[in-house]
């Protein structure tokens, strides 16, 4: 009888013991077999840091030399993401935080986020950011550019005439010179040709030649200027894929903390002239050639764009390594033929590969790395300092000025129904502005701190060896000694495509891009017409991003002077050196 009475007491004591040990009993479902603890969030619903993608346009961009339709996306970009800089920043007032933006990714048939960057802006230059403009065919990218600081008006011009002979002419009298292609200048109401010339190279400076930027309102002349060499420009953060369920959260903010090694960036560097962007990573498939994503060295064969970064690196390396350019092509061809030699597509995949490598070999393949590692590997030319939460929030608020300036640019350059001819943007058209939302929560992408690594079991798609592609080469034309105003305009037609292929969600293993297939189609469309038939000047607000010397280290010394060949009115002259 006493034994029967003790059973409830024993059960009660057991229940108290379970609850005091962590509440596991309360975690069971009604059947006593399951758990109320929810499973992990699917990888497809989490941010994915990428180890390939577009380079922030303010950090570096190829110079488009031919008129062509810009990249057109079929969908409107999502609202801007509010970014908060990480706790480490490069030391020096010359580094400016330039916010990120959305970039169309045809492989995913959606947008990815080009993270903000710390940029040492070119001295006495200000940044005019690019934007997405709505067109009848979708959303077209209008490129950003560097303009002289302090300029508060812009002149929109008719389409400049095409230049056929962009390749070097004459004899290179010194190995320490770099070819600068010819350009058309708007002089007294007409276009006049400025001949190409050989420029004396400078070790720490890259010359960005004059060129034109196409906008819905007309063509903008971007003046040539000296920029810092790529290694001295600042900190480039990795792009990120955000599922809609993440960036649509109320009070969502993002703090990038995976940086791209600028030295390793060049190992797999590509140019997408139509988009006015560099791309880095695995873009070796033939499909990317068909849509116009070329290895950076192809600028010397395809005179679609001019690559100031490549020209500077070529000059710097070939002084001590004459076969440098040939080696670049050989390395590229090896990666085209063997997919296992190509870089990873995501930071998570890269870290998985690196973990299987011996420690001494990992650094040679670690294109993307947490900023903490980058700080410990800092060089004399790049010191870092800690900033507190208040300073970080202040910097992120200053970035709002850049986004506002971008939206204002989209407004004043939109095809307007009416223009205030006194010089102020007018008209009834109001371009789409990314809606702002209140954001408080800081969310980090997943998978940032995993042991480091290389191999390739994840890349198991079948790729056939790719035959050597012979790019078209523009034949040299006879040197023109007499400069005449040009009236005829021949437009250059470029392809527009979208990559139609299945996308493999992050975390499923394997590459995110399949091998080339026959489902990718190429169509040809001419550049979109602009309203401008004659020069039109308008007043604009000042850009919030302006370069200065920084007054420390190698920034104390300003850039070289303007090349002599860039001076003059070019009427009846030809400054090309023989």
Protein backbone atom coordinates (compact mmCIF):
# COMPACT_ATOMS: atom_id res chain seq x y z
CA UNK A 1 0.00 0.00 0.00
CA UNK A 2 2.82 2.41 0.91
CA UNK A 3 4.62 1.52 -2.32
CA UNK A 4 1.58 2.54 -4.38
CA UNK A 5 1.33 5.87 -2.52
CA UNK A 6 4.98 6.68 -3.27
CA UNK A 7 4.67 6.50 -7.07
CA UNK A 8 3.15 10.00 -7.51
CA UNK A 9 5.82 11.43 -5.25
CA UNK A 10 8.54 9.74 -7.28
CA UNK A 11 7.09 11.10 -10.53
CA UNK A 12 6.92 14.60 -9.03
CA UNK A 13 10.53 14.46 -7.93
CA UNK A 14 11.58 13.28 -11.39
CA UNK A 15 9.66 16.15 -13.05
CA UNK A 16 11.36 18.74 -10.82
CA UNK A 17 14.75 17.23 -11.65
CA UNK A 18 14.10 17.47 -15.41
CA UNK A 19 12.89 21.07 -15.27
CA UNK A 20 15.85 22.14 -13.16
CA UNK A 21 18.29 20.55 -15.59
CA UNK A 22 17.25 22.69 -18.55
CA UNK A 23 13.59 22.20 -19.28
CA UNK A 24 14.01 19.39 -21.82
CA UNK A 25 10.69 17.89 -20.87
CA UNK A 26 8.93 21.13 -21.73
CA UNK A 27 10.51 21.02 -25.17
CA UNK A 28 8.68 17.85 -26.12
CA UNK A 29 5.52 17.97 -28.16
CA UNK A 30 2.20 16.50 -27.08
CA UNK A 31 3.20 13.06 -28.32
CA UNK A 32 6.46 13.22 -26.37
CA UNK A 33 8.55 12.38 -29.43
CA UNK A 34 9.39 15.73 -31.14
CA UNK A 35 10.95 19.07 -30.23
CA UNK A 36 9.59 22.61 -30.16
CA UNK A 37 13.03 23.99 -31.08
CA UNK A 38 12.67 25.22 -34.69
CA UNK A 39 15.08 23.95 -37.35
CA UNK A 40 17.80 26.18 -38.71
CA UNK A 41 16.82 28.82 -41.27
CA UNK A 42 17.28 27.36 -44.78
CA UNK A 43 20.46 28.51 -46.50
CA UNK A 44 18.35 29.91 -49.36
CA UNK A 45 16.79 32.39 -46.89
CA UNK A 46 20.10 33.70 -45.55
CA UNK A 47 22.46 36.35 -46.97
CA UNK A 48 25.30 34.80 -48.99
CA UNK A 49 28.66 36.54 -49.23
CA UNK A 50 30.03 36.14 -52.77
CA UNK A 51 33.62 35.70 -53.89
CA UNK A 52 32.84 36.84 -57.42
CA UNK A 53 30.78 39.61 -58.97
CA UNK A 54 30.96 43.28 -59.92
CA UNK A 55 33.56 45.67 -58.52
CA UNK A 56 32.08 48.83 -57.00
CA UNK A 57 32.02 51.38 -59.82
CA UNK A 58 33.54 54.12 -57.66
CA UNK A 59 36.50 51.85 -56.84
CA UNK A 60 37.41 51.10 -60.46
CA UNK A 61 35.61 51.01 -63.79
CA UNK A 62 36.66 50.37 -67.41
CA UNK A 63 36.44 53.30 -69.82
CA UNK A 64 33.77 52.74 -72.43
CA UNK A 65 35.07 53.90 -75.81
CA UNK A 66 32.09 53.01 -78.03
CA UNK A 67 28.45 53.98 -77.96
CA UNK A 68 26.34 51.07 -76.86
CA UNK A 69 23.16 50.24 -75.04
CA UNK A 70 23.65 49.99 -71.31
CA UNK A 71 22.82 46.91 -69.30
CA UNK A 72 19.03 46.53 -69.08
CA UNK A 73 17.42 44.58 -66.23
CA UNK A 74 13.84 43.30 -66.56
CA UNK A 75 12.92 44.15 -62.95
CA UNK A 76 12.95 47.26 -60.81
CA UNK A 77 15.76 47.21 -58.24
CA UNK A 78 14.71 46.71 -54.61
CA UNK A 79 14.86 49.52 -52.01
CA UNK A 80 18.33 50.59 -50.95
CA UNK A 81 19.93 48.76 -48.05
CA UNK A 82 21.24 50.89 -45.23
CA UNK A 83 24.87 50.04 -44.58
CA UNK A 84 26.88 50.61 -41.41
CA UNK A 85 30.67 50.45 -41.77
CA UNK A 86 32.54 47.82 -39.73
CA UNK A 87 34.48 48.75 -36.59
CA UNK A 88 37.76 48.93 -38.56
CA UNK A 89 38.43 51.57 -41.18
CA UNK A 90 41.53 52.64 -43.11
CA UNK A 91 43.40 55.40 -41.37
CA UNK A 92 43.30 58.82 -42.97
CA UNK A 93 40.77 61.51 -43.91
CA UNK A 94 41.29 60.81 -47.61
CA UNK A 95 39.24 57.60 -47.34
CA UNK A 96 35.54 58.18 -47.94
CA UNK A 97 32.71 55.70 -47.33
CA UNK A 98 30.74 55.33 -50.58
CA UNK A 99 27.51 53.33 -50.17
CA UNK A 100 26.60 50.27 -52.18
CA UNK A 101 23.86 49.67 -54.74
CA UNK A 102 21.95 46.89 -56.47
CA UNK A 103 23.44 45.08 -59.47
CA UNK A 104 21.52 42.82 -61.84
CA UNK A 105 22.84 39.25 -61.82
CA UNK A 106 21.66 37.30 -64.86
CA UNK A 107 22.77 33.95 -63.40
CA UNK A 108 20.35 34.37 -60.52
CA UNK A 109 17.79 36.33 -62.57
CA UNK A 110 17.71 38.81 -59.72
CA UNK A 111 19.69 41.53 -57.99
CA UNK A 112 22.76 41.22 -55.79
CA UNK A 113 24.13 43.92 -53.52
CA UNK A 114 27.42 45.63 -54.41
CA UNK A 115 28.71 46.47 -50.95
CA UNK A 116 29.99 49.90 -49.99
CA UNK A 117 33.71 50.65 -50.18
CA UNK A 118 36.30 52.84 -48.49
CA UNK A 119 37.74 54.91 -51.32
CA UNK A 120 40.60 57.39 -51.52
CA UNK A 121 38.89 59.64 -54.04
CA UNK A 122 41.10 61.03 -56.82
CA UNK A 123 42.47 64.44 -55.79
CA UNK A 124 40.29 67.37 -56.81
CA UNK A 125 37.66 65.04 -58.26
CA UNK A 126 34.11 64.38 -57.06
CA UNK A 127 32.00 61.25 -57.49
CA UNK A 128 28.74 61.21 -59.46
CA UNK A 129 27.14 57.80 -58.73
CA UNK A 130 25.36 55.65 -61.28
CA UNK A 131 21.71 54.67 -61.08
CA UNK A 132 18.97 52.55 -62.64
CA UNK A 133 16.70 54.44 -65.06
CA UNK A 134 13.31 53.12 -66.12
CA UNK A 135 12.92 52.62 -69.87
CA UNK A 136 10.22 50.98 -72.02
CA UNK A 137 12.33 47.79 -72.09
CA UNK A 138 13.13 47.59 -68.38
CA UNK A 139 15.63 49.29 -66.09
CA UNK A 140 18.81 50.53 -67.75
CA UNK A 141 22.06 51.22 -65.89
CA UNK A 142 23.44 54.76 -66.24
CA UNK A 143 27.10 54.70 -65.24
CA UNK A 144 28.74 56.83 -62.57
CA UNK A 145 31.87 58.88 -63.21
CA UNK A 146 34.43 61.18 -61.60
CA UNK A 147 34.00 64.90 -62.33
CA UNK A 148 36.15 67.91 -61.38
CA UNK A 149 35.44 68.96 -57.80
CA UNK A 150 33.42 72.12 -57.33
CA UNK A 151 31.66 71.90 -60.69
CA UNK A 152 27.96 72.58 -60.18
CA UNK A 153 26.73 72.43 -63.72
CA UNK A 154 26.71 69.74 -66.37
CA UNK A 155 26.63 70.05 -70.13
CA UNK A 156 24.63 67.38 -71.96
CA UNK A 157 25.77 66.87 -75.54
CA UNK A 158 24.56 65.15 -78.71
CA UNK A 159 26.01 61.71 -79.39
CA UNK A 160 29.72 62.01 -80.25
CA UNK A 161 30.96 60.48 -83.51
CA UNK A 162 32.44 57.01 -83.31
CA UNK A 163 36.23 56.71 -83.48
CA UNK A 164 37.51 53.85 -85.59
CA UNK A 165 41.25 53.88 -84.88
CA UNK A 166 41.63 53.49 -81.15
CA UNK A 167 44.70 51.28 -81.34
CA UNK A 168 48.20 52.73 -80.83
CA UNK A 169 49.67 54.59 -83.76
CA UNK A 170 53.24 55.46 -84.48
CA UNK A 171 56.25 54.07 -82.67
CA UNK A 172 56.53 53.75 -78.91
CA UNK A 173 59.71 55.68 -78.33
CA UNK A 174 60.10 54.56 -74.70
CA UNK A 175 58.99 51.47 -72.74
CA UNK A 176 57.94 53.83 -69.96
CA UNK A 177 55.01 55.25 -71.92
CA UNK A 178 51.35 54.24 -72.08
CA UNK A 179 49.04 54.75 -75.05
CA UNK A 180 46.10 57.11 -74.53
CA UNK A 181 43.42 56.69 -77.23
CA UNK A 182 41.97 59.59 -79.25
CA UNK A 183 38.79 61.32 -78.14
CA UNK A 184 36.21 63.70 -79.60
CA UNK A 185 35.95 67.11 -77.92
CA UNK A 186 32.97 69.47 -78.15
CA UNK A 187 34.45 72.78 -79.30
CA UNK A 188 32.37 75.80 -80.30
CA UNK A 189 29.26 73.80 -81.12
CA UNK A 190 30.88 70.93 -82.99
CA UNK A 191 32.93 67.79 -82.33
CA UNK A 192 36.68 67.97 -82.98
CA UNK A 193 39.05 65.07 -82.72
CA UNK A 194 41.87 65.01 -80.17
CA UNK A 195 44.52 62.60 -81.40
CA UNK A 196 45.87 59.75 -79.32
CA UNK A 197 49.30 60.09 -77.72
CA UNK A 198 51.97 58.29 -75.69
CA UNK A 199 51.92 59.29 -72.01
CA UNK A 200 54.86 58.96 -69.60
CA UNK A 201 53.79 56.34 -67.02
CA UNK A 202 53.91 57.09 -63.28
CA UNK A 203 54.54 54.33 -60.69
CA UNK A 204 51.75 55.24 -58.26
CA UNK A 205 49.27 56.88 -60.61
CA UNK A 206 46.83 55.62 -63.23
CA UNK A 207 45.68 57.94 -66.02
CA UNK A 208 41.95 57.64 -66.76
CA UNK A 209 41.44 59.09 -70.26
CA UNK A 210 38.63 61.40 -71.27
CA UNK A 211 35.47 59.65 -72.42
CA UNK A 212 31.70 60.01 -72.64
CA UNK A 213 28.94 58.74 -70.36
CA UNK A 214 25.55 58.11 -71.92
CA UNK A 215 22.51 59.30 -69.96
CA UNK A 216 18.80 59.53 -70.84
CA UNK A 217 19.27 63.28 -71.27
CA UNK A 218 22.39 63.29 -73.41
CA UNK A 219 26.10 62.54 -73.33
CA UNK A 220 28.37 63.80 -70.56
CA UNK A 221 32.03 64.48 -71.22
CA UNK A 222 34.10 62.93 -68.40
CA UNK A 223 37.47 64.66 -68.25
CA UNK A 224 40.71 62.69 -68.09
CA UNK A 225 42.31 62.60 -64.64
CA UNK A 226 44.99 60.93 -62.53
CA UNK A 227 43.78 58.28 -60.08
CA UNK A 228 45.62 56.27 -57.44
CA UNK A 229 47.02 52.88 -58.41
CA UNK A 230 44.62 50.08 -57.54
CA UNK A 231 46.49 49.00 -54.40
CA UNK A 232 46.23 52.49 -52.92
CA UNK A 233 42.53 53.14 -53.50
CA UNK A 234 41.13 51.75 -50.28
CA UNK A 235 39.06 48.79 -49.09
CA UNK A 236 36.78 46.81 -51.41
CA UNK A 237 34.09 44.67 -49.75
CA UNK A 238 32.59 41.51 -51.22
CA UNK A 239 29.18 41.62 -52.93
CA UNK A 240 26.30 39.86 -51.17
CA UNK A 241 23.19 38.01 -52.27
CA UNK A 242 20.19 38.94 -50.11
CA UNK A 243 16.95 36.94 -50.31
CA UNK A 244 13.91 39.20 -50.41
CA UNK A 245 12.80 37.88 -47.03
CA UNK A 246 15.93 39.44 -45.52
CA UNK A 247 16.16 42.93 -47.00
CA UNK A 248 12.40 43.47 -46.70
CA UNK A 249 12.59 43.21 -42.90
CA UNK A 250 11.65 46.33 -41.02
CA UNK A 251 14.63 48.04 -39.40
CA UNK A 252 17.12 45.99 -41.45
CA UNK A 253 20.70 47.24 -41.78
CA UNK A 254 23.84 45.59 -43.06
CA UNK A 255 27.48 45.88 -42.04
CA UNK A 256 29.91 44.43 -44.61
CA UNK A 257 32.92 42.67 -43.08
CA UNK A 258 34.39 40.48 -45.84
CA UNK A 259 36.95 42.30 -47.97
CA UNK A 260 38.45 41.49 -51.36
CA UNK A 261 42.21 41.17 -51.67
CA UNK A 262 42.97 43.75 -54.35
CA UNK A 263 46.16 41.93 -55.36
CA UNK A 264 44.34 38.63 -55.92
CA UNK A 265 41.47 40.52 -57.56
CA UNK A 266 43.60 40.80 -60.68
CA UNK A 267 44.03 37.02 -60.98
CA UNK A 268 40.54 36.66 -62.45
CA UNK A 269 39.59 40.17 -63.51
CA UNK A 270 37.10 40.85 -66.29
CA UNK A 271 35.51 43.90 -67.91
CA UNK A 272 31.85 44.34 -68.80
CA UNK A 273 31.93 47.47 -71.00
CA UNK A 274 28.16 47.69 -71.53
CA UNK A 275 27.70 47.84 -67.78
CA UNK A 276 30.80 50.04 -67.22
CA UNK A 277 31.94 47.63 -64.51
CA UNK A 278 34.82 45.33 -63.73
CA UNK A 279 33.92 41.80 -62.66
CA UNK A 280 36.09 39.42 -60.67
CA UNK A 281 35.95 35.66 -60.15
CA UNK A 282 34.70 32.80 -62.28
CA UNK A 283 33.47 34.33 -65.55
CA UNK A 284 35.37 31.94 -67.81
CA UNK A 285 32.46 30.23 -69.59
CA UNK A 286 31.80 31.08 -73.23
CA UNK A 287 28.38 32.40 -72.27
CA UNK A 288 29.99 35.43 -70.63
CA UNK A 289 32.00 36.21 -73.74
CA UNK A 290 28.77 36.20 -75.72
CA UNK A 291 27.14 38.81 -73.50
CA UNK A 292 30.26 40.97 -73.46
CA UNK A 293 32.13 40.07 -70.25
CA UNK A 294 35.76 39.85 -71.39
CA UNK A 295 39.07 39.20 -69.61
CA UNK A 296 40.67 42.53 -68.87
CA UNK A 297 43.59 42.05 -71.27
CA UNK A 298 41.19 41.79 -74.25
CA UNK A 299 40.92 45.56 -74.26
CA UNK A 300 44.09 45.55 -76.39
CA UNK A 301 42.38 43.42 -79.06
CA UNK A 302 38.78 44.55 -78.82
CA UNK A 303 38.66 48.31 -78.96
CA UNK A 304 35.31 48.45 -77.22
CA UNK A 305 36.78 49.81 -74.02
CA UNK A 306 40.04 51.14 -72.64
CA UNK A 307 41.39 49.53 -69.49
CA UNK A 308 43.50 52.03 -67.48
CA UNK A 309 44.19 49.49 -64.70
CA UNK A 310 45.46 46.87 -67.14
CA UNK A 311 47.60 49.37 -69.06
CA UNK A 312 49.23 50.52 -65.83
CA UNK A 313 49.84 46.95 -64.60
CA UNK A 314 51.18 45.89 -67.99
CA UNK A 315 53.70 48.73 -67.98
CA UNK A 316 54.70 47.98 -64.36
CA UNK A 317 55.20 44.22 -64.84
CA UNK A 318 56.72 44.07 -68.30
CA UNK A 319 59.70 46.12 -67.27
CA UNK A 320 60.93 43.12 -65.28
CA UNK A 321 58.87 40.32 -66.86
CA UNK A 322 58.62 40.67 -70.67
CA UNK A 323 56.25 37.66 -70.92
CA UNK A 324 53.80 39.01 -68.35
CA UNK A 325 51.01 39.66 -70.84
CA UNK A 326 51.45 36.24 -72.46
CA UNK A 327 51.38 34.60 -69.02
CA UNK A 328 48.10 36.37 -68.23
CA UNK A 329 46.56 34.86 -71.34
CA UNK A 330 47.99 31.42 -70.64
CA UNK A 331 46.58 31.41 -67.11
CA UNK A 332 43.20 32.49 -68.43
CA UNK A 333 43.13 29.72 -71.05
CA UNK A 334 44.02 27.10 -68.44
CA UNK A 335 41.09 28.13 -66.28
CA UNK A 336 38.75 28.07 -69.23
CA UNK A 337 39.77 24.52 -70.02
CA UNK A 338 39.77 23.22 -66.43
CA UNK A 339 36.91 24.25 -64.17
CA UNK A 340 38.75 22.94 -61.11
CA UNK A 341 41.29 25.77 -61.47
CA UNK A 342 38.67 28.48 -61.27
CA UNK A 343 37.95 30.48 -58.12
CA UNK A 344 34.98 29.74 -55.86
CA UNK A 345 31.67 31.53 -56.34
CA UNK A 346 30.87 32.15 -52.68
CA UNK A 347 32.83 32.96 -49.56
CA UNK A 348 31.50 29.79 -47.94
CA UNK A 349 32.72 27.64 -50.82
CA UNK A 350 36.10 29.37 -50.79
CA UNK A 351 36.56 28.68 -47.06
CA UNK A 352 35.59 25.04 -47.57
CA UNK A 353 38.25 24.68 -50.25
CA UNK A 354 40.93 26.47 -48.27
CA UNK A 355 40.41 24.26 -45.20
CA UNK A 356 41.76 21.33 -47.19
CA UNK A 357 44.96 23.15 -48.12
CA UNK A 358 48.15 23.38 -46.06
CA UNK A 359 48.30 26.64 -44.14
CA UNK A 360 51.19 28.16 -46.19
CA UNK A 361 49.20 27.75 -49.44
CA UNK A 362 45.92 29.24 -48.27
CA UNK A 363 46.81 32.89 -48.58
CA UNK A 364 47.49 32.56 -52.32
CA UNK A 365 43.84 31.58 -52.90
CA UNK A 366 42.04 33.69 -50.29
CA UNK A 367 40.47 36.32 -52.54
CA UNK A 368 37.83 37.16 -49.92
CA UNK A 369 38.70 37.38 -46.24
CA UNK A 370 37.17 38.76 -43.03
CA UNK A 371 38.28 42.31 -42.38
CA UNK A 372 39.94 41.16 -39.14
CA UNK A 373 42.40 39.09 -41.17
CA UNK A 374 42.99 41.97 -43.57
CA UNK A 375 43.81 44.26 -40.65
CA UNK A 376 46.44 41.83 -39.32
CA UNK A 377 47.98 41.65 -42.79
CA UNK A 378 48.04 45.41 -43.25
CA UNK A 379 50.87 46.91 -45.23
CA UNK A 380 52.73 50.13 -44.65
CA UNK A 381 50.52 51.85 -47.23
CA UNK A 382 47.27 50.82 -45.52
CA UNK A 383 46.88 51.33 -41.78
CA UNK A 384 43.62 50.63 -39.97
CA UNK A 385 42.03 52.21 -36.94
CA UNK A 386 39.09 51.35 -34.69
CA UNK A 387 35.95 53.49 -34.74
CA UNK A 388 33.19 53.41 -32.15
CA UNK A 389 29.49 52.83 -32.69
CA UNK A 390 28.68 56.53 -32.74
CA UNK A 391 31.25 57.26 -35.46
CA UNK A 392 30.00 54.33 -37.52
CA UNK A 393 26.42 55.56 -37.35
CA UNK A 394 27.52 59.08 -38.29
CA UNK A 395 29.34 57.75 -41.35
CA UNK A 396 26.30 55.70 -42.39
CA UNK A 397 24.12 58.82 -42.13
CA UNK A 398 26.57 60.73 -44.33
CA UNK A 399 26.09 57.98 -46.92
CA UNK A 400 22.46 59.04 -47.14
CA UNK A 401 23.70 62.22 -48.86
CA UNK A 402 25.28 60.09 -51.59
CA UNK A 403 22.06 58.14 -52.11
CA UNK A 404 20.09 61.39 -52.21
CA UNK A 405 22.51 62.80 -54.77
CA UNK A 406 22.05 59.64 -56.86
CA UNK A 407 18.27 60.02 -56.77
CA UNK A 408 18.53 63.70 -57.69
CA UNK A 409 20.69 62.78 -60.66
CA UNK A 410 18.06 60.28 -61.81
CA UNK A 411 15.52 63.09 -61.60
CA UNK A 412 17.38 65.79 -63.51
CA UNK A 413 18.54 63.38 -66.22
CA UNK A 414 15.13 61.80 -66.79
CA UNK A 415 13.53 62.56 -70.18
CA UNK A 416 11.48 65.56 -69.11
CA UNK A 417 8.29 66.94 -70.63
CA UNK A 418 9.51 70.43 -69.90
CA UNK A 419 12.89 72.04 -69.21
CA UNK A 420 13.55 75.26 -67.41
CA UNK A 421 15.97 76.83 -69.87
CA UNK A 422 17.45 79.04 -67.16
CA UNK A 423 19.50 76.00 -66.25
CA UNK A 424 17.38 74.17 -63.69
CA UNK A 425 15.94 70.69 -64.12
CA UNK A 426 12.23 70.82 -64.77
CA UNK A 427 9.37 68.85 -66.22
CA UNK A 428 6.67 66.69 -64.80
CA UNK A 429 8.47 63.36 -64.93
CA UNK A 430 9.40 61.99 -61.52
CA UNK A 431 11.74 59.03 -61.63
CA UNK A 432 11.21 56.16 -59.27
CA UNK A 433 12.92 56.75 -55.94
CA UNK A 434 13.85 53.84 -53.74
CA UNK A 435 11.54 53.98 -50.73
CA UNK A 436 13.27 54.56 -47.42
CA UNK A 437 12.37 52.48 -44.39
CA UNK A 438 13.26 52.81 -40.75
CA UNK A 439 16.12 50.50 -39.94
CA UNK A 440 17.75 49.64 -36.65
CA UNK A 441 18.80 46.01 -36.64
CA UNK A 442 22.29 45.09 -37.84
CA UNK A 443 22.44 41.68 -39.55
CA UNK A 444 25.61 39.98 -40.65
CA UNK A 445 25.76 37.53 -43.57
CA UNK A 446 26.20 33.95 -42.51
CA UNK A 447 29.27 31.80 -42.99
CA UNK A 448 31.91 34.43 -42.56
CA UNK A 449 34.21 32.72 -40.09
CA UNK A 450 34.93 29.20 -41.16
CA UNK A 451 38.27 27.52 -41.44
CA UNK A 452 40.05 28.43 -44.47
CA UNK A 453 40.69 26.09 -48.01
CA UNK A 454 40.88 24.61 -52.20
CA UNK A 455 39.69 21.87 -54.16
CA UNK A 456 37.06 21.25 -56.32
CA UNK A 457 34.71 18.47 -55.52
CA UNK A 458 31.96 21.09 -55.48
CA UNK A 459 32.55 21.87 -59.16
CA UNK A 460 31.25 18.74 -60.80
CA UNK A 461 29.47 20.08 -63.84
CA UNK A 462 30.74 18.85 -67.18
CA UNK A 463 32.61 21.42 -69.22
CA UNK A 464 33.97 20.76 -72.68
CA UNK A 465 37.37 22.21 -73.57
CA UNK A 466 36.89 25.61 -75.12
CA UNK A 467 38.53 26.32 -78.43
CA UNK A 468 40.69 29.37 -78.82
CA UNK A 469 38.50 32.30 -79.72
CA UNK A 470 39.94 34.70 -82.24
CA UNK A 471 38.65 38.13 -81.35
CA UNK A 472 37.96 40.66 -84.00
CA UNK A 473 40.69 43.24 -84.33
CA UNK A 474 40.12 46.68 -85.70
CA UNK A 475 42.69 47.21 -88.45
CA UNK A 476 44.91 50.23 -88.10
CA UNK A 477 43.75 53.13 -90.16
CA UNK A 478 45.93 55.63 -91.89
CA UNK A 479 47.04 58.43 -89.65
CA UNK A 480 45.02 61.58 -90.17
CA UNK A 481 47.07 64.73 -90.10
CA UNK A 482 44.33 67.26 -90.74
CA UNK A 483 41.63 67.63 -88.12
CA UNK A 484 38.21 68.57 -89.39
CA UNK A 485 34.96 68.91 -87.48
CA UNK A 486 33.11 65.62 -87.75
CA UNK A 487 29.47 65.58 -88.81
CA UNK A 488 28.78 61.96 -89.61
CA UNK A 489 27.90 59.65 -86.74
CA UNK A 490 28.02 55.87 -87.00
CA UNK A 491 26.59 54.05 -84.05
CA UNK A 492 28.20 50.92 -82.70
CA UNK A 493 25.78 48.10 -82.03
CA UNK A 494 26.30 45.82 -79.07
CA UNK A 495 24.46 42.76 -77.85
CA UNK A 496 22.01 42.60 -74.99
CA UNK A 497 21.30 39.26 -73.40
CA UNK A 498 20.25 37.51 -70.30
CA UNK A 499 21.71 34.28 -69.04
CA UNK A 500 18.86 31.79 -69.00
CA UNK A 501 19.93 28.93 -66.83
CA UNK A 502 18.95 27.28 -63.57
CA UNK A 503 20.32 28.85 -60.42
CA UNK A 504 21.49 26.57 -57.64
CA UNK A 505 20.64 28.03 -54.22
CA UNK A 506 23.45 28.72 -51.78
CA UNK A 507 24.32 25.93 -49.42
CA UNK A 508 23.35 23.08 -51.72
CA UNK A 509 26.93 22.40 -52.76
CA UNK A 510 28.37 22.83 -56.19
CA UNK A 511 28.81 25.84 -58.40
CA UNK A 512 26.13 28.46 -58.79
CA UNK A 513 26.68 28.69 -62.54
CA UNK A 514 26.18 25.84 -64.95
CA UNK A 515 28.24 25.22 -68.03
CA UNK A 516 27.46 27.07 -71.26
CA UNK A 517 24.32 25.92 -72.98
CA UNK A 518 22.24 26.63 -76.03
CA UNK A 519 19.49 28.41 -74.09
CA UNK A 520 21.42 31.66 -74.02
CA UNK A 521 20.41 33.91 -76.86
CA UNK A 522 21.99 37.07 -78.16
CA UNK A 523 20.07 39.95 -79.69
CA UNK A 524 21.44 43.19 -81.06
CA UNK A 525 20.05 46.62 -80.25
CA UNK A 526 21.44 50.08 -81.01
CA UNK A 527 22.09 52.66 -78.30
CA UNK A 528 18.94 54.21 -76.92
CA UNK A 529 18.14 57.60 -78.43
CA UNK A 530 18.54 60.68 -76.25
CA UNK A 531 16.59 63.91 -76.54
CA UNK A 532 19.63 66.12 -76.90
CA UNK A 533 20.26 67.52 -80.37
CA UNK A 534 22.38 70.43 -79.18
CA UNK A 535 24.37 71.21 -76.07
CA UNK A 536 22.33 71.86 -72.96
CA UNK A 537 23.79 73.01 -69.64
CA UNK A 538 22.00 72.62 -66.32
CA UNK A 539 22.82 73.49 -62.73
CA UNK A 540 23.26 70.63 -60.25
CA UNK A 541 23.97 70.28 -56.52
CA UNK A 542 27.51 69.65 -55.32
CA UNK A 543 28.59 66.04 -54.93
CA UNK A 544 29.08 64.90 -51.31
CA UNK A 545 32.15 62.83 -52.30
CA UNK A 546 35.27 64.88 -53.09
CA UNK A 547 38.91 63.80 -53.13
CA UNK A 548 41.72 65.43 -51.16
CA UNK A 549 45.40 64.73 -50.55
CA UNK A 550 44.91 63.42 -47.01
CA UNK A 551 48.22 65.08 -45.96
CA UNK A 552 49.85 61.87 -44.84
CA UNK A 553 52.00 59.09 -46.29
CA UNK A 554 52.04 58.83 -50.03
CA UNK A 555 48.95 61.08 -50.18
CA UNK A 556 51.02 64.13 -49.24
CA UNK A 557 52.28 64.40 -52.78
CA UNK A 558 49.64 65.33 -55.30
CA UNK A 559 49.13 63.79 -58.74
CA UNK A 560 51.27 64.61 -61.78
CA UNK A 561 50.27 67.57 -63.91
CA UNK A 562 47.78 67.31 -66.75
CA UNK A 563 49.38 65.82 -69.89
CA UNK A 564 50.37 68.46 -72.41
CA UNK A 565 48.44 66.58 -75.11
CA UNK A 566 45.21 67.23 -73.21
CA UNK A 567 45.60 70.99 -73.49
CA UNK A 568 44.48 73.14 -76.39
CA UNK A 569 41.34 73.60 -78.42
CA UNK A 570 42.34 71.01 -81.09
CA UNK A 571 40.91 73.08 -83.93
CA UNK A 572 43.11 72.57 -86.96
CA UNK A 573 45.75 70.85 -84.81
CA UNK A 574 46.95 67.31 -84.36
CA UNK A 575 48.90 66.74 -81.18
CA UNK A 576 49.65 63.08 -81.81
CA UNK A 577 53.31 62.30 -81.42
CA UNK A 578 55.01 60.42 -84.18
